[in-house]
Amino acid sequence: WCSYIKKIEILSKSTYANLLGTKGSVRNVFKPREKVVARKASQRTKYTTVSKKHDLEANSCKTKLQLFQECMTPFTEKRSNGIKLRRQAWGALDPNGNNIVSLAELERWILQECEAKLGKMEGHKIWTYFRPSYIYAFNDAKTIEKGGDDDYVTKTEFRICASYLCFYATMADCFFTIENGNGETGEGDRRLSLEEWKAAYPKFRDGTDGYKFEAFSNLKSDPSRTAEVIFTEMDADSQGMVLLSEWCSYIKKIEILSKSTYANLLGTKGSVRNVF
């Protein structure tokens, strides 16, 4: 196919012949095609993202968690606006139209939304920072629908999945802050040692950590809840380190048992509005 077309182009001394024969100028040979591709890419960007254009000056005063939540929380709303946004976003989430979304498809969509909302560089940085938490949100959300495909997120699970993304990002942000990790640079080993936990413990005990998880809400009034005791409870495999998965499982369990504000989200009951 290629040999045939190439031969005819050269014999006919066409525009492409300048390129194929390595003579003359190749400038503008592909210019018309570039215009078409650029136009289609622009149309595709409008279709696959629903976030508003980013404001660099306003974003500079916000934390990574605030920026990420601003990208995802619109999709958690139960009302008509949230429904409209989820319908629009589903086309980007499910490009092949099979009504199910894989983890890879979910991650790609999150990246698109973050870059659309925050700009390409900042959006990619925020997406990378919270990426370790996406799989936990995905795994929880994909089992919500009874009789559904437990390997993928379905359309009816999308709202809860977006909510889980916000919650797991909150837990991950807290975890990374304690263990001095940095998702965007690879610093930190994503394991929490007893020494790191003991250094952060006073803030959780005094309620100044800023996250307000129920798992650490009564530390000051209960002297038996020492740093060592809580660390042992979190360290499910007793290997001397708390992994992100163990950290999230521990907090999630306590939130549900205490019927906290987060429990409305984790139990998929009630409204998740204002949770974040």
C-alpha atoms as a PDB file:
ATOM      1  CA  TRP A   1       0.000   0.000   0.000  1.00  0.00           C
ATOM      2  CA  CYS A   2       2.673   2.467   1.050  1.00  0.00           C
ATOM      3  CA  SER A   3       5.068   1.498  -1.759  1.00  0.00           C
ATOM      4  CA  TYR A   4       2.333   1.928  -4.387  1.00  0.00           C
ATOM      5  CA  ILE A   5       1.284   5.379  -3.171  1.00  0.00           C
ATOM      6  CA  LYS A   6       4.886   6.526  -2.773  1.00  0.00           C
ATOM      7  CA  LYS A   7       5.758   5.435  -6.345  1.00  0.00           C
ATOM      8  CA  ILE A   8       2.827   7.339  -7.881  1.00  0.00           C
ATOM      9  CA  GLU A   9       3.507  10.470  -5.813  1.00  0.00           C
ATOM     10  CA  ILE A  10       7.098  10.589  -7.060  1.00  0.00           C
ATOM     11  CA  LEU A  11       6.185   9.907 -10.702  1.00  0.00           C
ATOM     12  CA  SER A  12       3.501  12.589 -10.655  1.00  0.00           C
ATOM     13  CA  LYS A  13       5.844  15.116  -9.001  1.00  0.00           C
ATOM     14  CA  SER A  14       3.189  15.935  -6.435  1.00  0.00           C
ATOM     15  CA  THR A  15       3.509  18.032  -3.283  1.00  0.00           C
ATOM     16  CA  TYR A  16       4.558  14.930  -1.386  1.00  0.00           C
ATOM     17  CA  ALA A  17       7.251  14.242  -4.040  1.00  0.00           C
ATOM     18  CA  ASN A  18       9.357  17.067  -2.582  1.00  0.00           C
ATOM     19  CA  LEU A  19       9.492  15.102   0.629  1.00  0.00           C
ATOM     20  CA  LEU A  20       9.800  11.622  -0.854  1.00  0.00           C
ATOM     21  CA  GLY A  21      12.501  12.615  -3.273  1.00  0.00           C
ATOM     22  CA  THR A  22      14.288  14.673  -0.592  1.00  0.00           C
ATOM     23  CA  LYS A  23      14.380  17.613  -3.004  1.00  0.00           C
ATOM     24  CA  GLY A  24      12.939  21.068  -2.588  1.00  0.00           C
ATOM     25  CA  SER A  25      11.177  22.343   0.521  1.00  0.00           C
ATOM     26  CA  VAL A  26       8.948  20.147   2.678  1.00  0.00           C
ATOM     27  CA  ARG A  27       7.476  23.196   4.373  1.00  0.00           C
ATOM     28  CA  ASN A  28       3.676  23.190   4.453  1.00  0.00           C
ATOM     29  CA  VAL A  29       3.453  19.618   3.168  1.00  0.00           C
ATOM     30  CA  PHE A  30       1.562  18.578   6.294  1.00  0.00           C
ATOM     31  CA  LYS A  31       0.103  21.952   7.236  1.00  0.00           C
ATOM     32  CA  PRO A  32      -3.491  21.227   6.120  1.00  0.00           C
ATOM     33  CA  ARG A  33      -3.524  17.998   8.144  1.00  0.00           C
ATOM     34  CA  GLU A  34      -2.218  19.772  11.235  1.00  0.00           C
ATOM     35  CA  LYS A  35      -5.133  22.198  11.105  1.00  0.00           C
ATOM     36  CA  VAL A  36      -7.642  19.355  11.007  1.00  0.00           C
ATOM     37  CA  VAL A  37      -6.002  17.508  13.905  1.00  0.00           C
ATOM     38  CA  ALA A  38      -5.809  20.668  16.014  1.00  0.00           C
ATOM     39  CA  ARG A  39      -9.492  21.389  15.442  1.00  0.00           C
ATOM     40  CA  LYS A  40     -10.517  17.862  16.387  1.00  0.00           C
ATOM     41  CA  ALA A  41      -8.351  17.925  19.509  1.00  0.00           C
ATOM     42  CA  SER A  42      -9.991  21.169  20.584  1.00  0.00           C
ATOM     43  CA  GLN A  43     -13.432  19.680  20.136  1.00  0.00           C
ATOM     44  CA  ARG A  44     -12.413  16.546  22.032  1.00  0.00           C
ATOM     45  CA  THR A  45     -11.099  18.581  24.979  1.00  0.00           C
ATOM     46  CA  LYS A  46     -14.426  20.378  25.330  1.00  0.00           C
ATOM     47  CA  TYR A  47     -16.257  17.067  25.320  1.00  0.00           C
ATOM     48  CA  THR A  48     -14.092  15.126  27.737  1.00  0.00           C
ATOM     49  CA  THR A  49     -13.700  17.734  30.482  1.00  0.00           C
ATOM     50  CA  VAL A  50     -16.286  19.699  32.398  1.00  0.00           C
ATOM     51  CA  SER A  51     -14.066  21.639  34.798  1.00  0.00           C
ATOM     52  CA  LYS A  52     -13.903  25.393  34.373  1.00  0.00           C
ATOM     53  CA  LYS A  53     -10.751  27.130  33.195  1.00  0.00           C
ATOM     54  CA  HIS A  54      -8.090  27.352  35.866  1.00  0.00           C
ATOM     55  CA  ASP A  55      -7.170  30.493  37.799  1.00  0.00           C
ATOM     56  CA  LEU A  56      -3.473  30.322  38.669  1.00  0.00           C
ATOM     57  CA  GLU A  57      -3.576  33.248  41.085  1.00  0.00           C
ATOM     58  CA  ALA A  58      -6.528  31.880  43.061  1.00  0.00           C
ATOM     59  CA  ASN A  59      -5.120  28.345  43.095  1.00  0.00           C
ATOM     60  CA  SER A  60      -1.770  29.451  44.520  1.00  0.00           C
ATOM     61  CA  CYS A  61      -3.360  30.006  47.948  1.00  0.00           C
ATOM     62  CA  LYS A  62      -4.927  26.553  48.146  1.00  0.00           C
ATOM     63  CA  THR A  63      -3.573  23.237  49.379  1.00  0.00           C
ATOM     64  CA  LYS A  64      -3.150  20.218  47.140  1.00  0.00           C
ATOM     65  CA  LEU A  65      -6.165  18.607  48.788  1.00  0.00           C
ATOM     66  CA  GLN A  66      -8.378  21.642  48.241  1.00  0.00           C
ATOM     67  CA  LEU A  67      -7.420  21.763  44.569  1.00  0.00           C
ATOM     68  CA  PHE A  68      -8.127  18.068  44.052  1.00  0.00           C
ATOM     69  CA  GLN A  69     -11.462  18.232  45.851  1.00  0.00           C
ATOM     70  CA  GLU A  70     -12.543  21.201  43.757  1.00  0.00           C
ATOM     71  CA  CYS A  71     -11.991  19.059  40.674  1.00  0.00           C
ATOM     72  CA  MET A  72     -13.969  16.065  41.990  1.00  0.00           C
ATOM     73  CA  THR A  73     -16.705  17.306  44.369  1.00  0.00           C
ATOM     74  CA  PRO A  74     -18.987  18.678  41.611  1.00  0.00           C
ATOM     75  CA  PHE A  75     -19.515  15.069  40.516  1.00  0.00           C
ATOM     76  CA  THR A  76     -20.679  14.011  44.005  1.00  0.00           C
ATOM     77  CA  GLU A  77     -23.812  16.184  44.044  1.00  0.00           C
ATOM     78  CA  LYS A  78     -27.150  14.382  43.984  1.00  0.00           C
ATOM     79  CA  ARG A  79     -29.094  17.301  42.534  1.00  0.00           C
ATOM     80  CA  SER A  80     -29.719  18.149  38.890  1.00  0.00           C
ATOM     81  CA  ASN A  81     -26.410  19.946  38.378  1.00  0.00           C
ATOM     82  CA  GLY A  82     -24.451  16.936  39.595  1.00  0.00           C
ATOM     83  CA  ILE A  83     -26.493  14.591  37.419  1.00  0.00           C
ATOM     84  CA  LYS A  84     -25.817  16.789  34.393  1.00  0.00           C
ATOM     85  CA  LEU A  85     -22.085  16.833  35.068  1.00  0.00           C
ATOM     86  CA  ARG A  86     -21.922  13.059  35.520  1.00  0.00           C
ATOM     87  CA  ARG A  87     -23.803  12.466  32.280  1.00  0.00           C
ATOM     88  CA  GLN A  88     -21.404  14.734  30.444  1.00  0.00           C
ATOM     89  CA  ALA A  89     -18.347  13.141  32.057  1.00  0.00           C
ATOM     90  CA  TRP A  90     -19.449   9.568  31.439  1.00  0.00           C
ATOM     91  CA  GLY A  91     -18.699   9.888  27.729  1.00  0.00           C
ATOM     92  CA  ALA A  92     -15.073  10.611  28.613  1.00  0.00           C
ATOM     93  CA  LEU A  93     -14.940   7.881  31.248  1.00  0.00           C
ATOM     94  CA  ASP A  94     -16.409   5.260  28.942  1.00  0.00           C
ATOM     95  CA  PRO A  95     -15.054   6.089  25.457  1.00  0.00           C
ATOM     96  CA  ASN A  96     -15.766   2.622  24.062  1.00  0.00           C
ATOM     97  CA  GLY A  97     -19.400   2.713  25.203  1.00  0.00           C
ATOM     98  CA  ASN A  98     -19.484  -0.600  27.081  1.00  0.00           C
ATOM     99  CA  ASN A  99     -21.068   1.036  30.181  1.00  0.00           C
ATOM    100  CA  ILE A 100     -18.235   0.006  32.521  1.00  0.00           C
ATOM    101  CA  VAL A 101     -15.067   1.830  33.534  1.00  0.00           C
ATOM    102  CA  SER A 102     -11.690   0.316  34.370  1.00  0.00           C
ATOM    103  CA  LEU A 103      -9.146   1.747  36.790  1.00  0.00           C
ATOM    104  CA  ALA A 104      -7.022   2.936  33.864  1.00  0.00           C
ATOM    105  CA  GLU A 105      -9.993   4.744  32.333  1.00  0.00           C
ATOM    106  CA  LEU A 106     -10.839   6.322  35.684  1.00  0.00           C
ATOM    107  CA  GLU A 107      -7.281   7.557  36.191  1.00  0.00           C
ATOM    108  CA  ARG A 108      -7.176   9.026  32.684  1.00  0.00           C
ATOM    109  CA  TRP A 109     -10.421  10.913  33.306  1.00  0.00           C
ATOM    110  CA  ILE A 110      -9.180  12.284  36.661  1.00  0.00           C
ATOM    111  CA  LEU A 111      -6.071  13.572  34.887  1.00  0.00           C
ATOM    112  CA  GLN A 112      -8.190  15.258  32.215  1.00  0.00           C
ATOM    113  CA  GLU A 113     -10.332  16.992  34.816  1.00  0.00           C
ATOM    114  CA  CYS A 114      -7.365  18.105  36.922  1.00  0.00           C
ATOM    115  CA  GLU A 115      -5.546  19.538  33.907  1.00  0.00           C
ATOM    116  CA  ALA A 116      -8.679  21.287  32.672  1.00  0.00           C
ATOM    117  CA  LYS A 117      -9.341  22.828  36.072  1.00  0.00           C
ATOM    118  CA  LEU A 118      -5.798  23.588  37.212  1.00  0.00           C
ATOM    119  CA  GLY A 119      -3.739  23.837  34.049  1.00  0.00           C
ATOM    120  CA  LYS A 120      -1.570  21.148  32.504  1.00  0.00           C
ATOM    121  CA  MET A 121       1.457  21.378  34.812  1.00  0.00           C
ATOM    122  CA  GLU A 122      -0.353  21.938  38.100  1.00  0.00           C
ATOM    123  CA  GLY A 123      -3.104  19.484  37.171  1.00  0.00           C
ATOM    124  CA  HIS A 124      -0.615  16.731  36.413  1.00  0.00           C
ATOM    125  CA  LYS A 125       1.233  17.429  39.663  1.00  0.00           C
ATOM    126  CA  ILE A 126      -1.960  17.169  41.733  1.00  0.00           C
ATOM    127  CA  TRP A 127      -3.039  14.037  39.852  1.00  0.00           C
ATOM    128  CA  THR A 128       0.319  12.372  40.495  1.00  0.00           C
ATOM    129  CA  TYR A 129       0.355  13.309  44.172  1.00  0.00           C
ATOM    130  CA  PHE A 130      -2.985  11.613  44.892  1.00  0.00           C
ATOM    131  CA  ARG A 131      -2.680   8.767  42.386  1.00  0.00           C
ATOM    132  CA  PRO A 132      -1.823   6.101  45.025  1.00  0.00           C
ATOM    133  CA  SER A 133      -5.291   6.604  46.523  1.00  0.00           C
ATOM    134  CA  TYR A 134      -7.322   6.101  43.329  1.00  0.00           C
ATOM    135  CA  ILE A 135      -7.223   2.310  43.424  1.00  0.00           C
ATOM    136  CA  TYR A 136      -8.794   2.222  46.910  1.00  0.00           C
ATOM    137  CA  ALA A 137     -11.662   4.477  45.820  1.00  0.00           C
ATOM    138  CA  PHE A 138     -12.113   2.376  42.685  1.00  0.00           C
ATOM    139  CA  ASN A 139     -12.153  -0.921  44.591  1.00  0.00           C
ATOM    140  CA  ASP A 140     -14.770   0.334  47.051  1.00  0.00           C
ATOM    141  CA  ALA A 141     -17.011   1.873  44.418  1.00  0.00           C
ATOM    142  CA  LYS A 142     -17.051  -1.062  42.004  1.00  0.00           C
ATOM    143  CA  THR A 143     -18.835  -3.324  44.518  1.00  0.00           C
ATOM    144  CA  ILE A 144     -21.710  -0.938  45.342  1.00  0.00           C
ATOM    145  CA  GLU A 145     -24.187  -2.046  42.675  1.00  0.00           C
ATOM    146  CA  LYS A 146     -25.790  -5.402  43.440  1.00  0.00           C
ATOM    147  CA  GLY A 147     -25.566  -7.753  40.495  1.00  0.00           C
ATOM    148  CA  GLY A 148     -23.116  -5.463  38.734  1.00  0.00           C
ATOM    149  CA  ASP A 149     -19.654  -6.211  37.388  1.00  0.00           C
ATOM    150  CA  ASP A 150     -17.374  -6.160  40.435  1.00  0.00           C
ATOM    151  CA  ASP A 151     -14.291  -5.664  38.284  1.00  0.00           C
ATOM    152  CA  TYR A 152     -15.414  -2.284  36.938  1.00  0.00           C
ATOM    153  CA  VAL A 153     -17.253   0.861  37.986  1.00  0.00           C
ATOM    154  CA  THR A 154     -20.688   1.208  36.416  1.00  0.00           C
ATOM    155  CA  LYS A 155     -22.657   4.344  35.646  1.00  0.00           C
ATOM    156  CA  THR A 156     -24.774   3.973  38.787  1.00  0.00           C
ATOM    157  CA  GLU A 157     -21.594   3.732  40.881  1.00  0.00           C
ATOM    158  CA  PHE A 158     -20.000   6.839  39.380  1.00  0.00           C
ATOM    159  CA  ARG A 159     -21.302   9.353  41.943  1.00  0.00           C
ATOM    160  CA  ILE A 160     -20.115   7.251  44.869  1.00  0.00           C
ATOM    161  CA  CYS A 161     -16.799   6.677  43.124  1.00  0.00           C
ATOM    162  CA  ALA A 162     -16.257  10.436  42.825  1.00  0.00           C
ATOM    163  CA  SER A 163     -17.081  10.785  46.531  1.00  0.00           C
ATOM    164  CA  TYR A 164     -14.678   8.002  47.455  1.00  0.00           C
ATOM    165  CA  LEU A 165     -11.958   9.702  45.422  1.00  0.00           C
ATOM    166  CA  CYS A 166     -12.325  12.778  47.630  1.00  0.00           C
ATOM    167  CA  PHE A 167     -12.333  10.785  50.856  1.00  0.00           C
ATOM    168  CA  TYR A 168      -9.364   8.581  50.026  1.00  0.00           C
ATOM    169  CA  ALA A 169      -7.461  11.632  48.795  1.00  0.00           C
ATOM    170  CA  THR A 170      -8.102  13.211  52.202  1.00  0.00           C
ATOM    171  CA  MET A 171      -6.695  10.166  53.999  1.00  0.00           C
ATOM    172  CA  ALA A 172      -3.749   9.983  51.597  1.00  0.00           C
ATOM    173  CA  ASP A 173      -2.944  13.658  52.062  1.00  0.00           C
ATOM    174  CA  CYS A 174      -2.859  13.188  55.823  1.00  0.00           C
ATOM    175  CA  PHE A 175      -0.690  10.074  55.466  1.00  0.00           C
ATOM    176  CA  PHE A 176       1.807  11.759  53.105  1.00  0.00           C
ATOM    177  CA  THR A 177       2.077  14.748  55.439  1.00  0.00           C
ATOM    178  CA  ILE A 178       2.971  12.527  58.394  1.00  0.00           C
ATOM    179  CA  GLU A 179       5.480  10.305  56.614  1.00  0.00           C
ATOM    180  CA  ASN A 180       7.091  13.248  54.839  1.00  0.00           C
ATOM    181  CA  GLY A 181       6.290  11.706  51.498  1.00  0.00           C
ATOM    182  CA  ASN A 182       5.760  13.574  48.279  1.00  0.00           C
ATOM    183  CA  GLY A 183       3.774  11.833  45.553  1.00  0.00           C
ATOM    184  CA  GLU A 184       4.926  14.161  42.811  1.00  0.00           C
ATOM    185  CA  THR A 185       8.680  13.708  43.403  1.00  0.00           C
ATOM    186  CA  GLY A 186       8.763  10.159  44.723  1.00  0.00           C
ATOM    187  CA  GLU A 187      10.171  11.222  48.078  1.00  0.00           C
ATOM    188  CA  GLY A 188       9.075   9.227  51.082  1.00  0.00           C
ATOM    189  CA  ASP A 189       8.646   5.470  51.159  1.00  0.00           C
ATOM    190  CA  ARG A 190       4.853   5.510  51.601  1.00  0.00           C
ATOM    191  CA  ARG A 191       5.291   3.663  54.864  1.00  0.00           C
ATOM    192  CA  LEU A 192       4.602   5.186  58.254  1.00  0.00           C
ATOM    193  CA  SER A 193       7.050   4.318  61.002  1.00  0.00           C
ATOM    194  CA  LEU A 194       6.345   4.492  64.715  1.00  0.00           C
ATOM    195  CA  GLU A 195       8.784   7.400  65.033  1.00  0.00           C
ATOM    196  CA  GLU A 196       6.979   9.375  62.317  1.00  0.00           C
ATOM    197  CA  TRP A 197       3.611   8.670  63.934  1.00  0.00           C
ATOM    198  CA  LYS A 198       4.844   9.677  67.391  1.00  0.00           C
ATOM    199  CA  ALA A 199       6.131  12.961  65.964  1.00  0.00           C
ATOM    200  CA  ALA A 200       2.713  13.744  64.470  1.00  0.00           C
ATOM    201  CA  TYR A 201       0.647  12.343  67.360  1.00  0.00           C
ATOM    202  CA  PRO A 202       0.459  15.576  69.437  1.00  0.00           C
ATOM    203  CA  LYS A 203      -1.423  17.377  66.652  1.00  0.00           C
ATOM    204  CA  PHE A 204      -3.993  14.587  66.460  1.00  0.00           C
ATOM    205  CA  ARG A 205      -4.261  14.454  70.243  1.00  0.00           C
ATOM    206  CA  ASP A 206      -4.838  18.224  70.460  1.00  0.00           C
ATOM    207  CA  GLY A 207      -7.187  18.301  67.466  1.00  0.00           C
ATOM    208  CA  THR A 208      -4.983  20.625  65.439  1.00  0.00           C
ATOM    209  CA  ASP A 209      -4.214  18.206  62.600  1.00  0.00           C
ATOM    210  CA  GLY A 210      -6.920  19.734  60.422  1.00  0.00           C
ATOM    211  CA  TYR A 211      -8.430  16.454  59.172  1.00  0.00           C
ATOM    212  CA  LYS A 212     -10.772  15.656  62.078  1.00  0.00           C
ATOM    213  CA  PHE A 213     -11.000  11.905  61.606  1.00  0.00           C
ATOM    214  CA  GLU A 214     -13.079  10.120  64.254  1.00  0.00           C
ATOM    215  CA  ALA A 215     -10.294   7.568  64.616  1.00  0.00           C
ATOM    216  CA  PHE A 216      -8.248  10.215  66.452  1.00  0.00           C
ATOM    217  CA  SER A 217     -11.017  12.377  67.966  1.00  0.00           C
ATOM    218  CA  ASN A 218     -10.841  11.384  71.660  1.00  0.00           C
ATOM    219  CA  LEU A 219      -7.128  11.026  72.224  1.00  0.00           C
ATOM    220  CA  LYS A 220      -6.879  13.829  74.769  1.00  0.00           C
ATOM    221  CA  SER A 221      -9.709  12.536  76.966  1.00  0.00           C
ATOM    222  CA  ASP A 222      -8.533   8.925  76.849  1.00  0.00           C
ATOM    223  CA  PRO A 223      -4.951   8.523  78.175  1.00  0.00           C
ATOM    224  CA  SER A 224      -4.942   4.849  77.198  1.00  0.00           C
ATOM    225  CA  ARG A 225      -4.989   5.832  73.516  1.00  0.00           C
ATOM    226  CA  THR A 226      -1.264   6.394  73.292  1.00  0.00           C
ATOM    227  CA  ALA A 227       0.711   6.731  70.083  1.00  0.00           C
ATOM    228  CA  GLU A 228       2.054   3.214  70.519  1.00  0.00           C
ATOM    229  CA  VAL A 229      -1.401   1.684  71.062  1.00  0.00           C
ATOM    230  CA  ILE A 230      -2.906   3.326  67.996  1.00  0.00           C
ATOM    231  CA  PHE A 231       0.097   2.425  65.856  1.00  0.00           C
ATOM    232  CA  THR A 232      -0.270  -1.226  66.830  1.00  0.00           C
ATOM    233  CA  GLU A 233      -3.957  -1.121  65.887  1.00  0.00           C
ATOM    234  CA  MET A 234      -3.150   0.385  62.483  1.00  0.00           C
ATOM    235  CA  ASP A 235      -0.296  -2.021  61.759  1.00  0.00           C
ATOM    236  CA  ALA A 236      -2.547  -4.872  60.622  1.00  0.00           C
ATOM    237  CA  ASP A 237       0.261  -7.185  59.482  1.00  0.00           C
ATOM    238  CA  SER A 238       2.455  -6.436  62.534  1.00  0.00           C
ATOM    239  CA  GLN A 239       5.462  -5.674  60.334  1.00  0.00           C
ATOM    240  CA  GLY A 240       6.408  -2.484  62.173  1.00  0.00           C
ATOM    241  CA  MET A 241       5.257  -0.162  59.406  1.00  0.00           C
ATOM    242  CA  VAL A 242       1.818   1.224  58.534  1.00  0.00           C
ATOM    243  CA  LEU A 243       1.111   1.185  54.807  1.00  0.00           C
ATOM    244  CA  LEU A 244      -1.287   3.555  53.061  1.00  0.00           C
ATOM    245  CA  SER A 245      -3.779   0.696  52.651  1.00  0.00           C
ATOM    246  CA  GLU A 246      -3.665  -0.059  56.399  1.00  0.00           C
ATOM    247  CA  TRP A 247      -3.983   3.621  57.248  1.00  0.00           C
ATOM    248  CA  CYS A 248      -7.075   4.006  55.061  1.00  0.00           C
ATOM    249  CA  SER A 249      -8.689   0.776  56.282  1.00  0.00           C
ATOM    250  CA  TYR A 250      -8.236   1.798  59.926  1.00  0.00           C
ATOM    251  CA  ILE A 251      -9.722   5.274  59.498  1.00  0.00           C
ATOM    252  CA  LYS A 252     -12.567   4.013  57.327  1.00  0.00           C
ATOM    253  CA  LYS A 253     -13.549   1.356  59.880  1.00  0.00           C
ATOM    254  CA  ILE A 254     -13.693   3.855  62.763  1.00  0.00           C
ATOM    255  CA  GLU A 255     -15.639   6.399  60.707  1.00  0.00           C
ATOM    256  CA  ILE A 256     -18.339   3.833  59.917  1.00  0.00           C
ATOM    257  CA  LEU A 257     -18.532   2.510  63.479  1.00  0.00           C
ATOM    258  CA  SER A 258     -18.829   6.013  64.936  1.00  0.00           C
ATOM    259  CA  LYS A 259     -21.489   7.041  62.382  1.00  0.00           C
ATOM    260  CA  SER A 260     -19.562  10.205  61.627  1.00  0.00           C
ATOM    261  CA  THR A 261     -20.143  12.733  58.883  1.00  0.00           C
ATOM    262  CA  TYR A 262     -17.890  10.661  56.653  1.00  0.00           C
ATOM    263  CA  ALA A 263     -19.991   7.587  57.468  1.00  0.00           C
ATOM    264  CA  ASN A 264     -22.805   8.952  55.277  1.00  0.00           C
ATOM    265  CA  LEU A 265     -20.399   8.706  52.401  1.00  0.00           C
ATOM    266  CA  LEU A 266     -18.740   5.429  53.321  1.00  0.00           C
ATOM    267  CA  GLY A 267     -22.034   3.707  53.973  1.00  0.00           C
ATOM    268  CA  THR A 268     -23.446   5.183  50.753  1.00  0.00           C
ATOM    269  CA  LYS A 269     -26.387   6.605  52.731  1.00  0.00           C
ATOM    270  CA  GLY A 270     -27.508  10.189  53.063  1.00  0.00           C
ATOM    271  CA  SER A 271     -26.024  13.155  51.283  1.00  0.00           C
ATOM    272  CA  VAL A 272     -22.312  13.685  50.859  1.00  0.00           C
ATOM    273  CA  ARG A 273     -22.827  17.387  50.264  1.00  0.00           C
ATOM    274  CA  ASN A 274     -20.630  19.553  52.501  1.00  0.00           C
ATOM    275  CA  VAL A 275     -18.671  16.522  53.748  1.00  0.00           C
ATOM    276  CA  PHE A 276     -15.575  18.051  52.198  1.00  0.00           C
END
